[in-house]
Amino acid sequence: MRENKKIQFSFRISQVTDIEFHIFNMFSYGIQDFENLDDKLFFNYGWQIEANKEAKEVVLIMSIFFMYKLDSDKNVPLVNYYYSTHFLINNFEEVIKTITPESFDIPDEILPTLLSVSISTGRGMLIEKLSKSFYRDIILPIATPEFIQQLVKNGRVNKTQPIKETKK
């Protein structure tokens, strides 16, 4: 268990890598337009984390899915995006504690910051990737601190609230 003291750390993004990007054809699902989009579009988020002590690096592997609820209550994917964000942690040994060669302890104060930066980076990358597609006007909502905490706690979040509620 960690001592209850404020953790100081500094980091920088060393690399962002596309793993997989797929746009699904909305017309193949019978979607002709995005009427009532606020009630039908939602986002799924997921993440995994890796640490490399030798490289002083933490890697977040992110997944972001745009999903559409069909009238039949079936959810279909519109966009799937997997990417990784590599963070160099300057004081890695001080803040990332190795438990076993395969496991490590990342303080609760650090993970939300890294997730927030990674989601914001992916959000910008998606804006560019979707700029010439049918989905160019769909923009991921900004990740609030409450949303990030939920993502840390659960590892995966289904953002099912309508778009206009998530833009607050």
N, C-alpha and C. Protein backbone atom coordinates (compact mmCIF):
# COMPACT_ATOMS: atom_id res chain seq x y z
N MET A 1 0.85 -1.18 0.00
CA MET A 1 0.00 0.00 0.00
C MET A 1 0.89 1.24 0.00
N ARG A 2 0.51 2.23 -0.77
CA ARG A 2 1.29 3.46 -0.88
C ARG A 2 1.03 4.39 0.29
N GLU A 3 2.06 5.15 0.61
CA GLU A 3 1.89 6.20 1.62
C GLU A 3 0.92 7.23 1.07
N ASN A 4 0.22 7.90 1.96
CA ASN A 4 -0.76 8.89 1.55
C ASN A 4 -0.09 10.25 1.39
N LYS A 5 0.68 10.41 0.31
CA LYS A 5 1.32 11.68 0.03
C LYS A 5 1.12 12.03 -1.44
N LYS A 6 1.19 13.30 -1.73
CA LYS A 6 0.99 13.77 -3.10
C LYS A 6 2.16 13.31 -3.97
N ILE A 7 1.82 12.77 -5.12
CA ILE A 7 2.84 12.25 -6.04
C ILE A 7 3.15 13.30 -7.09
N GLN A 8 4.41 13.57 -7.27
CA GLN A 8 4.88 14.47 -8.30
C GLN A 8 5.41 13.64 -9.46
N PHE A 9 4.99 13.95 -10.67
CA PHE A 9 5.52 13.22 -11.82
C PHE A 9 5.48 14.13 -13.03
N SER A 10 6.34 13.82 -13.98
CA SER A 10 6.33 14.55 -15.24
C SER A 10 6.44 13.52 -16.37
N PHE A 11 5.84 13.85 -17.48
CA PHE A 11 5.80 12.91 -18.60
C PHE A 11 5.72 13.69 -19.90
N ARG A 12 5.93 12.96 -20.97
CA ARG A 12 5.68 13.49 -22.31
C ARG A 12 5.24 12.35 -23.20
N ILE A 13 4.49 12.67 -24.22
CA ILE A 13 4.09 11.66 -25.19
C ILE A 13 5.29 11.40 -26.09
N SER A 14 5.67 10.15 -26.19
CA SER A 14 6.79 9.80 -27.07
C SER A 14 6.32 9.27 -28.42
N GLN A 15 5.10 8.73 -28.44
CA GLN A 15 4.61 8.13 -29.68
C GLN A 15 3.11 7.88 -29.57
N VAL A 16 2.42 8.06 -30.68
CA VAL A 16 1.02 7.67 -30.80
C VAL A 16 0.94 6.79 -32.04
N THR A 17 0.37 5.61 -31.88
CA THR A 17 0.36 4.64 -32.97
C THR A 17 -1.07 4.18 -33.25
N ASP A 18 -1.46 4.24 -34.51
CA ASP A 18 -2.72 3.64 -34.93
C ASP A 18 -2.56 2.13 -34.92
N ILE A 19 -3.51 1.45 -34.31
CA ILE A 19 -3.50 0.00 -34.32
C ILE A 19 -4.50 -0.51 -35.33
N GLU A 20 -5.73 0.03 -35.27
CA GLU A 20 -6.77 -0.37 -36.21
C GLU A 20 -7.78 0.76 -36.33
N PHE A 21 -8.22 1.02 -37.54
CA PHE A 21 -9.24 2.03 -37.79
C PHE A 21 -10.18 1.48 -38.84
N HIS A 22 -11.47 1.47 -38.52
CA HIS A 22 -12.44 0.94 -39.47
C HIS A 22 -13.69 1.81 -39.46
N ILE A 23 -14.12 2.21 -40.65
CA ILE A 23 -15.39 2.92 -40.82
C ILE A 23 -16.38 1.96 -41.46
N PHE A 24 -17.53 1.81 -40.82
CA PHE A 24 -18.58 0.94 -41.36
C PHE A 24 -19.52 1.78 -42.21
N ASN A 25 -20.06 1.19 -43.23
CA ASN A 25 -20.98 1.87 -44.14
C ASN A 25 -22.37 1.89 -43.51
N MET A 26 -22.83 3.08 -43.16
CA MET A 26 -24.12 3.21 -42.50
C MET A 26 -25.26 2.74 -43.40
N PHE A 27 -25.09 2.85 -44.71
CA PHE A 27 -26.15 2.45 -45.64
C PHE A 27 -26.36 0.94 -45.62
N SER A 28 -25.31 0.19 -45.28
CA SER A 28 -25.46 -1.28 -45.24
C SER A 28 -26.37 -1.71 -44.08
N TYR A 29 -26.56 -0.83 -43.10
CA TYR A 29 -27.48 -1.10 -41.99
C TYR A 29 -28.88 -0.55 -42.26
N GLY A 30 -29.05 0.09 -43.41
CA GLY A 30 -30.34 0.70 -43.72
C GLY A 30 -30.49 2.10 -43.15
N ILE A 31 -29.42 2.67 -42.66
CA ILE A 31 -29.46 4.04 -42.13
C ILE A 31 -29.31 4.99 -43.32
N GLN A 32 -30.31 5.80 -43.55
CA GLN A 32 -30.27 6.72 -44.68
C GLN A 32 -29.76 8.10 -44.30
N ASP A 33 -29.99 8.47 -43.07
CA ASP A 33 -29.49 9.75 -42.58
C ASP A 33 -29.41 9.66 -41.06
N PHE A 34 -28.97 10.71 -40.47
CA PHE A 34 -28.81 10.71 -39.02
C PHE A 34 -29.90 11.51 -38.34
N GLU A 35 -31.17 11.20 -38.67
CA GLU A 35 -32.26 11.83 -37.96
C GLU A 35 -32.28 11.33 -36.53
N ASN A 36 -32.68 12.17 -35.61
CA ASN A 36 -32.73 11.81 -34.19
C ASN A 36 -31.41 11.24 -33.69
N LEU A 37 -30.34 11.82 -34.16
CA LEU A 37 -29.01 11.34 -33.80
C LEU A 37 -28.80 11.36 -32.29
N ASP A 38 -29.33 12.37 -31.63
CA ASP A 38 -29.13 12.49 -30.19
C ASP A 38 -29.62 11.27 -29.43
N ASP A 39 -30.63 10.59 -29.95
CA ASP A 39 -31.19 9.43 -29.27
C ASP A 39 -30.56 8.11 -29.71
N LYS A 40 -29.78 8.14 -30.77
CA LYS A 40 -29.34 6.88 -31.36
C LYS A 40 -27.83 6.67 -31.34
N LEU A 41 -27.06 7.72 -31.26
CA LEU A 41 -25.61 7.59 -31.32
C LEU A 41 -25.02 7.54 -29.92
N PHE A 42 -24.10 6.62 -29.70
CA PHE A 42 -23.38 6.59 -28.43
C PHE A 42 -21.97 6.08 -28.67
N PHE A 43 -21.13 6.21 -27.67
CA PHE A 43 -19.72 5.87 -27.79
C PHE A 43 -19.35 4.83 -26.74
N ASN A 44 -18.49 3.91 -27.11
CA ASN A 44 -17.91 2.96 -26.17
C ASN A 44 -16.41 3.25 -26.08
N TYR A 45 -15.89 3.19 -24.88
CA TYR A 45 -14.47 3.42 -24.64
C TYR A 45 -13.91 2.22 -23.87
N GLY A 46 -12.67 1.88 -24.13
CA GLY A 46 -11.99 0.86 -23.36
C GLY A 46 -10.50 1.15 -23.34
N TRP A 47 -9.80 0.54 -22.40
CA TRP A 47 -8.37 0.77 -22.32
C TRP A 47 -7.66 -0.40 -21.66
N GLN A 48 -6.41 -0.53 -22.00
CA GLN A 48 -5.48 -1.46 -21.35
C GLN A 48 -4.21 -0.67 -21.10
N ILE A 49 -3.42 -1.14 -20.15
CA ILE A 49 -2.19 -0.42 -19.82
C ILE A 49 -1.02 -1.39 -19.76
N GLU A 50 0.11 -0.93 -20.21
CA GLU A 50 1.36 -1.68 -20.12
C GLU A 50 2.42 -0.74 -19.58
N ALA A 51 3.43 -1.32 -18.95
CA ALA A 51 4.55 -0.52 -18.47
C ALA A 51 5.84 -1.21 -18.86
N ASN A 52 6.84 -0.40 -19.19
CA ASN A 52 8.16 -0.91 -19.55
C ASN A 52 9.18 -0.16 -18.71
N LYS A 53 9.68 -0.83 -17.69
CA LYS A 53 10.60 -0.20 -16.75
C LYS A 53 11.89 0.25 -17.43
N GLU A 54 12.43 -0.58 -18.32
CA GLU A 54 13.69 -0.24 -18.99
C GLU A 54 13.55 1.02 -19.85
N ALA A 55 12.42 1.13 -20.52
CA ALA A 55 12.19 2.30 -21.39
C ALA A 55 11.58 3.48 -20.62
N LYS A 56 11.24 3.27 -19.34
CA LYS A 56 10.58 4.28 -18.51
C LYS A 56 9.30 4.76 -19.20
N GLU A 57 8.54 3.79 -19.69
CA GLU A 57 7.40 4.09 -20.54
C GLU A 57 6.13 3.41 -20.02
N VAL A 58 5.03 4.15 -20.09
CA VAL A 58 3.70 3.60 -19.86
C VAL A 58 2.96 3.73 -21.18
N VAL A 59 2.29 2.65 -21.58
CA VAL A 59 1.56 2.63 -22.84
C VAL A 59 0.09 2.39 -22.54
N LEU A 60 -0.77 3.28 -23.03
CA LEU A 60 -2.21 3.09 -22.95
C LEU A 60 -2.69 2.64 -24.32
N ILE A 61 -3.36 1.50 -24.35
CA ILE A 61 -3.96 1.00 -25.57
C ILE A 61 -5.45 1.29 -25.46
N MET A 62 -5.93 2.14 -26.34
CA MET A 62 -7.28 2.67 -26.25
C MET A 62 -8.17 2.10 -27.36
N SER A 63 -9.46 1.98 -27.03
CA SER A 63 -10.46 1.65 -28.05
C SER A 63 -11.60 2.65 -27.91
N ILE A 64 -12.02 3.15 -29.05
CA ILE A 64 -13.15 4.07 -29.11
C ILE A 64 -14.06 3.57 -30.23
N PHE A 65 -15.33 3.35 -29.89
CA PHE A 65 -16.30 2.89 -30.87
C PHE A 65 -17.45 3.87 -30.95
N PHE A 66 -17.86 4.21 -32.17
CA PHE A 66 -19.09 4.95 -32.40
C PHE A 66 -20.15 3.89 -32.69
N MET A 67 -21.21 3.90 -31.93
CA MET A 67 -22.27 2.91 -32.10
C MET A 67 -23.59 3.63 -32.43
N TYR A 68 -24.43 2.93 -33.16
CA TYR A 68 -25.73 3.48 -33.56
C TYR A 68 -26.81 2.48 -33.17
N LYS A 69 -27.85 2.99 -32.51
CA LYS A 69 -28.97 2.13 -32.09
C LYS A 69 -30.00 2.11 -33.20
N LEU A 70 -30.18 0.93 -33.80
CA LEU A 70 -31.20 0.77 -34.83
C LEU A 70 -32.58 0.69 -34.18
N ASP A 71 -33.62 0.89 -34.97
CA ASP A 71 -34.98 0.83 -34.43
C ASP A 71 -35.28 -0.52 -33.79
N SER A 72 -34.62 -1.54 -34.23
CA SER A 72 -34.86 -2.88 -33.69
C SER A 72 -34.15 -3.10 -32.35
N ASP A 73 -33.65 -2.05 -31.75
CA ASP A 73 -32.89 -2.11 -30.50
C ASP A 73 -31.56 -2.84 -30.65
N LYS A 74 -31.15 -3.03 -31.86
CA LYS A 74 -29.84 -3.62 -32.12
C LYS A 74 -28.84 -2.47 -32.28
N ASN A 75 -27.67 -2.61 -31.65
CA ASN A 75 -26.62 -1.62 -31.79
C ASN A 75 -25.63 -2.08 -32.84
N VAL A 76 -25.28 -1.17 -33.74
CA VAL A 76 -24.33 -1.50 -34.81
C VAL A 76 -23.17 -0.51 -34.76
N PRO A 77 -21.97 -0.98 -35.12
CA PRO A 77 -20.81 -0.08 -35.10
C PRO A 77 -20.79 0.82 -36.33
N LEU A 78 -20.38 2.05 -36.13
CA LEU A 78 -20.13 2.97 -37.23
C LEU A 78 -18.64 3.19 -37.41
N VAL A 79 -17.92 3.32 -36.30
CA VAL A 79 -16.48 3.55 -36.33
C VAL A 79 -15.85 2.74 -35.20
N ASN A 80 -14.78 2.04 -35.51
CA ASN A 80 -13.94 1.38 -34.51
C ASN A 80 -12.53 1.94 -34.63
N TYR A 81 -11.97 2.37 -33.51
CA TYR A 81 -10.62 2.93 -33.54
C TYR A 81 -9.83 2.42 -32.35
N TYR A 82 -8.70 1.79 -32.66
CA TYR A 82 -7.76 1.35 -31.63
C TYR A 82 -6.44 2.08 -31.87
N TYR A 83 -5.86 2.58 -30.81
CA TYR A 83 -4.57 3.27 -30.93
C TYR A 83 -3.84 3.15 -29.60
N SER A 84 -2.56 3.43 -29.64
CA SER A 84 -1.78 3.42 -28.40
C SER A 84 -1.09 4.76 -28.22
N THR A 85 -1.03 5.18 -26.97
CA THR A 85 -0.32 6.41 -26.61
C THR A 85 0.80 5.99 -25.68
N HIS A 86 2.03 6.34 -26.06
CA HIS A 86 3.21 5.99 -25.29
C HIS A 86 3.67 7.22 -24.51
N PHE A 87 3.79 7.05 -23.20
CA PHE A 87 4.21 8.14 -22.33
C PHE A 87 5.57 7.81 -21.72
N LEU A 88 6.52 8.71 -21.87
CA LEU A 88 7.78 8.59 -21.15
C LEU A 88 7.58 9.28 -19.81
N ILE A 89 7.80 8.54 -18.75
CA ILE A 89 7.65 9.06 -17.39
C ILE A 89 9.05 9.39 -16.87
N ASN A 90 9.34 10.66 -16.65
CA ASN A 90 10.69 11.08 -16.27
C ASN A 90 11.16 10.44 -14.97
N ASN A 91 10.33 10.36 -13.99
CA ASN A 91 10.71 9.76 -12.71
C ASN A 91 9.99 8.42 -12.52
N PHE A 92 10.09 7.57 -13.53
CA PHE A 92 9.39 6.29 -13.60
C PHE A 92 9.56 5.45 -12.33
N GLU A 93 10.81 5.28 -11.88
CA GLU A 93 11.08 4.41 -10.74
C GLU A 93 10.45 4.93 -9.45
N GLU A 94 10.25 6.22 -9.37
CA GLU A 94 9.65 6.81 -8.17
C GLU A 94 8.13 6.63 -8.12
N VAL A 95 7.50 6.60 -9.29
CA VAL A 95 6.03 6.59 -9.30
C VAL A 95 5.41 5.27 -9.75
N ILE A 96 6.10 4.49 -10.57
CA ILE A 96 5.57 3.21 -11.04
C ILE A 96 6.30 2.11 -10.28
N LYS A 97 5.59 1.40 -9.45
CA LYS A 97 6.21 0.35 -8.62
C LYS A 97 5.96 -1.01 -9.25
N THR A 98 7.04 -1.73 -9.49
CA THR A 98 6.95 -3.07 -10.03
C THR A 98 6.59 -4.05 -8.92
N ILE A 99 5.56 -4.83 -9.12
CA ILE A 99 5.15 -5.84 -8.16
C ILE A 99 5.77 -7.18 -8.56
N THR A 100 5.57 -7.56 -9.81
CA THR A 100 6.21 -8.73 -10.42
C THR A 100 6.64 -8.28 -11.81
N PRO A 101 7.41 -9.10 -12.53
CA PRO A 101 7.78 -8.68 -13.89
C PRO A 101 6.58 -8.40 -14.79
N GLU A 102 5.43 -9.02 -14.50
CA GLU A 102 4.24 -8.83 -15.33
C GLU A 102 3.24 -7.84 -14.74
N SER A 103 3.45 -7.37 -13.52
CA SER A 103 2.47 -6.47 -12.93
C SER A 103 3.16 -5.29 -12.23
N PHE A 104 2.42 -4.22 -12.13
CA PHE A 104 2.97 -2.99 -11.59
C PHE A 104 1.85 -2.19 -10.95
N ASP A 105 2.24 -1.21 -10.17
CA ASP A 105 1.28 -0.37 -9.46
C ASP A 105 1.44 1.06 -9.97
N ILE A 106 0.35 1.58 -10.54
CA ILE A 106 0.34 2.97 -11.01
C ILE A 106 -0.56 3.74 -10.07
N PRO A 107 -0.05 4.78 -9.44
CA PRO A 107 -0.86 5.53 -8.48
C PRO A 107 -2.13 6.11 -9.09
N ASP A 108 -3.15 6.18 -8.26
CA ASP A 108 -4.45 6.71 -8.69
C ASP A 108 -4.36 8.14 -9.20
N GLU A 109 -3.38 8.88 -8.76
CA GLU A 109 -3.24 10.28 -9.20
C GLU A 109 -2.72 10.38 -10.63
N ILE A 110 -2.04 9.35 -11.11
CA ILE A 110 -1.39 9.41 -12.43
C ILE A 110 -2.29 8.90 -13.54
N LEU A 111 -2.95 7.77 -13.32
CA LEU A 111 -3.74 7.13 -14.37
C LEU A 111 -4.81 8.06 -14.98
N PRO A 112 -5.59 8.80 -14.20
CA PRO A 112 -6.58 9.69 -14.82
C PRO A 112 -5.95 10.75 -15.74
N THR A 113 -4.79 11.24 -15.36
CA THR A 113 -4.11 12.23 -16.20
C THR A 113 -3.71 11.61 -17.53
N LEU A 114 -3.11 10.43 -17.49
CA LEU A 114 -2.69 9.77 -18.72
C LEU A 114 -3.88 9.39 -19.59
N LEU A 115 -4.95 8.91 -18.97
CA LEU A 115 -6.16 8.58 -19.75
C LEU A 115 -6.76 9.82 -20.41
N SER A 116 -6.82 10.90 -19.68
CA SER A 116 -7.37 12.14 -20.22
C SER A 116 -6.56 12.62 -21.43
N VAL A 117 -5.25 12.60 -21.31
CA VAL A 117 -4.39 13.02 -22.42
C VAL A 117 -4.56 12.08 -23.61
N SER A 118 -4.63 10.78 -23.34
CA SER A 118 -4.76 9.81 -24.41
C SER A 118 -6.11 9.95 -25.13
N ILE A 119 -7.19 10.14 -24.38
CA ILE A 119 -8.51 10.31 -24.99
C ILE A 119 -8.55 11.59 -25.81
N SER A 120 -7.98 12.67 -25.29
CA SER A 120 -7.96 13.93 -26.02
C SER A 120 -7.15 13.80 -27.31
N THR A 121 -6.06 13.07 -27.24
CA THR A 121 -5.24 12.83 -28.44
C THR A 121 -6.04 12.04 -29.47
N GLY A 122 -6.68 10.97 -29.03
CA GLY A 122 -7.50 10.15 -29.94
C GLY A 122 -8.66 10.92 -30.52
N ARG A 123 -9.23 11.79 -29.73
CA ARG A 123 -10.34 12.64 -30.19
C ARG A 123 -9.89 13.49 -31.37
N GLY A 124 -8.73 14.11 -31.24
CA GLY A 124 -8.19 14.92 -32.33
C GLY A 124 -7.85 14.09 -33.55
N MET A 125 -7.29 12.91 -33.33
CA MET A 125 -6.95 12.04 -34.45
C MET A 125 -8.21 11.59 -35.19
N LEU A 126 -9.28 11.32 -34.44
CA LEU A 126 -10.54 10.92 -35.08
C LEU A 126 -11.15 12.05 -35.90
N ILE A 127 -11.03 13.27 -35.41
CA ILE A 127 -11.55 14.41 -36.19
C ILE A 127 -10.88 14.43 -37.56
N GLU A 128 -9.58 14.23 -37.59
CA GLU A 128 -8.86 14.21 -38.86
C GLU A 128 -9.24 12.99 -39.70
N LYS A 129 -9.29 11.83 -39.10
CA LYS A 129 -9.58 10.60 -39.84
C LYS A 129 -10.99 10.61 -40.43
N LEU A 130 -11.93 11.25 -39.75
CA LEU A 130 -13.32 11.26 -40.21
C LEU A 130 -13.66 12.47 -41.08
N SER A 131 -12.71 13.35 -41.28
CA SER A 131 -12.99 14.64 -41.94
C SER A 131 -13.53 14.50 -43.36
N LYS A 132 -13.26 13.40 -44.03
CA LYS A 132 -13.74 13.22 -45.40
C LYS A 132 -14.75 12.08 -45.50
N SER A 133 -15.39 11.76 -44.39
CA SER A 133 -16.34 10.64 -44.37
C SER A 133 -17.75 11.14 -44.07
N PHE A 134 -18.70 10.21 -44.11
CA PHE A 134 -20.08 10.52 -43.72
C PHE A 134 -20.15 10.99 -42.28
N TYR A 135 -19.18 10.61 -41.48
CA TYR A 135 -19.22 10.86 -40.05
C TYR A 135 -18.42 12.10 -39.64
N ARG A 136 -18.11 12.96 -40.58
CA ARG A 136 -17.26 14.13 -40.30
C ARG A 136 -17.86 15.09 -39.27
N ASP A 137 -19.17 15.12 -39.12
CA ASP A 137 -19.79 16.04 -38.17
C ASP A 137 -19.97 15.44 -36.77
N ILE A 138 -19.58 14.18 -36.62
CA ILE A 138 -19.68 13.55 -35.30
C ILE A 138 -18.36 13.76 -34.57
N ILE A 139 -18.43 14.43 -33.46
CA ILE A 139 -17.23 14.70 -32.68
C ILE A 139 -17.41 14.12 -31.29
N LEU A 140 -16.42 13.38 -30.84
CA LEU A 140 -16.48 12.83 -29.49
C LEU A 140 -16.63 13.94 -28.47
N PRO A 141 -17.46 13.75 -27.48
CA PRO A 141 -17.55 14.74 -26.41
C PRO A 141 -16.23 14.83 -25.65
N ILE A 142 -15.98 15.97 -25.07
CA ILE A 142 -14.80 16.14 -24.22
C ILE A 142 -14.97 15.26 -22.98
N ALA A 143 -13.91 14.60 -22.60
CA ALA A 143 -13.95 13.70 -21.43
C ALA A 143 -13.87 14.54 -20.16
N THR A 144 -14.92 14.50 -19.37
CA THR A 144 -14.96 15.24 -18.10
C THR A 144 -14.19 14.47 -17.04
N PRO A 145 -13.79 15.14 -15.95
CA PRO A 145 -13.12 14.41 -14.85
C PRO A 145 -13.97 13.27 -14.30
N GLU A 146 -15.27 13.45 -14.23
CA GLU A 146 -16.16 12.39 -13.74
C GLU A 146 -16.14 11.18 -14.68
N PHE A 147 -16.15 11.46 -15.98
CA PHE A 147 -16.09 10.40 -16.97
C PHE A 147 -14.77 9.63 -16.86
N ILE A 148 -13.67 10.35 -16.70
CA ILE A 148 -12.35 9.72 -16.58
C ILE A 148 -12.31 8.83 -15.33
N GLN A 149 -12.86 9.31 -14.23
CA GLN A 149 -12.89 8.50 -13.01
C GLN A 149 -13.70 7.22 -13.21
N GLN A 150 -14.81 7.32 -13.94
CA GLN A 150 -15.62 6.14 -14.24
C GLN A 150 -14.83 5.17 -15.12
N LEU A 151 -14.09 5.70 -16.07
CA LEU A 151 -13.27 4.86 -16.95
C LEU A 151 -12.16 4.18 -16.17
N VAL A 152 -11.53 4.89 -15.24
CA VAL A 152 -10.50 4.29 -14.38
C VAL A 152 -11.10 3.16 -13.56
N LYS A 153 -12.23 3.41 -12.99
CA LYS A 153 -12.88 2.43 -12.11
C LYS A 153 -13.32 1.17 -12.86
N ASN A 154 -13.91 1.35 -14.04
CA ASN A 154 -14.53 0.24 -14.75
C ASN A 154 -13.67 -0.37 -15.86
N GLY A 155 -12.69 0.36 -16.36
CA GLY A 155 -11.89 -0.15 -17.46
C GLY A 155 -12.55 -0.01 -18.81
N ARG A 156 -13.86 0.11 -18.82
CA ARG A 156 -14.62 0.27 -20.06
C ARG A 156 -15.86 1.07 -19.72
N VAL A 157 -16.23 1.96 -20.60
CA VAL A 157 -17.42 2.78 -20.36
C VAL A 157 -18.25 2.82 -21.63
N ASN A 158 -19.53 2.63 -21.47
CA ASN A 158 -20.48 2.85 -22.55
C ASN A 158 -21.08 4.22 -22.32
N LYS A 159 -20.83 5.12 -23.21
CA LYS A 159 -21.36 6.48 -23.09
C LYS A 159 -22.68 6.50 -23.83
N THR A 160 -23.76 6.18 -23.13
CA THR A 160 -25.05 6.02 -23.79
C THR A 160 -25.93 7.25 -23.69
N GLN A 161 -25.48 8.27 -22.97
CA GLN A 161 -26.30 9.48 -22.90
C GLN A 161 -26.35 10.12 -24.29
N PRO A 162 -27.46 10.77 -24.58
CA PRO A 162 -27.55 11.46 -25.87
C PRO A 162 -26.44 12.48 -26.02
N ILE A 163 -26.10 12.76 -27.26
CA ILE A 163 -25.00 13.68 -27.59
C ILE A 163 -25.18 15.03 -26.90
N LYS A 164 -26.38 15.61 -26.97
CA LYS A 164 -26.51 16.95 -26.43
C LYS A 164 -26.27 16.98 -24.91
N GLU A 165 -26.54 15.88 -24.22
CA GLU A 165 -26.25 15.83 -22.79
C GLU A 165 -24.76 15.69 -22.52
N THR A 166 -24.02 15.01 -23.39
CA THR A 166 -22.61 14.81 -23.16
C THR A 166 -21.77 16.02 -23.56
N LYS A 167 -22.38 16.98 -24.26
CA LYS A 167 -21.63 18.16 -24.68
C LYS A 167 -21.59 19.22 -23.59
N LYS A 168 -22.25 18.98 -22.47
CA LYS A 168 -22.30 19.99 -21.40
C LYS A 168 -20.92 20.27 -20.85
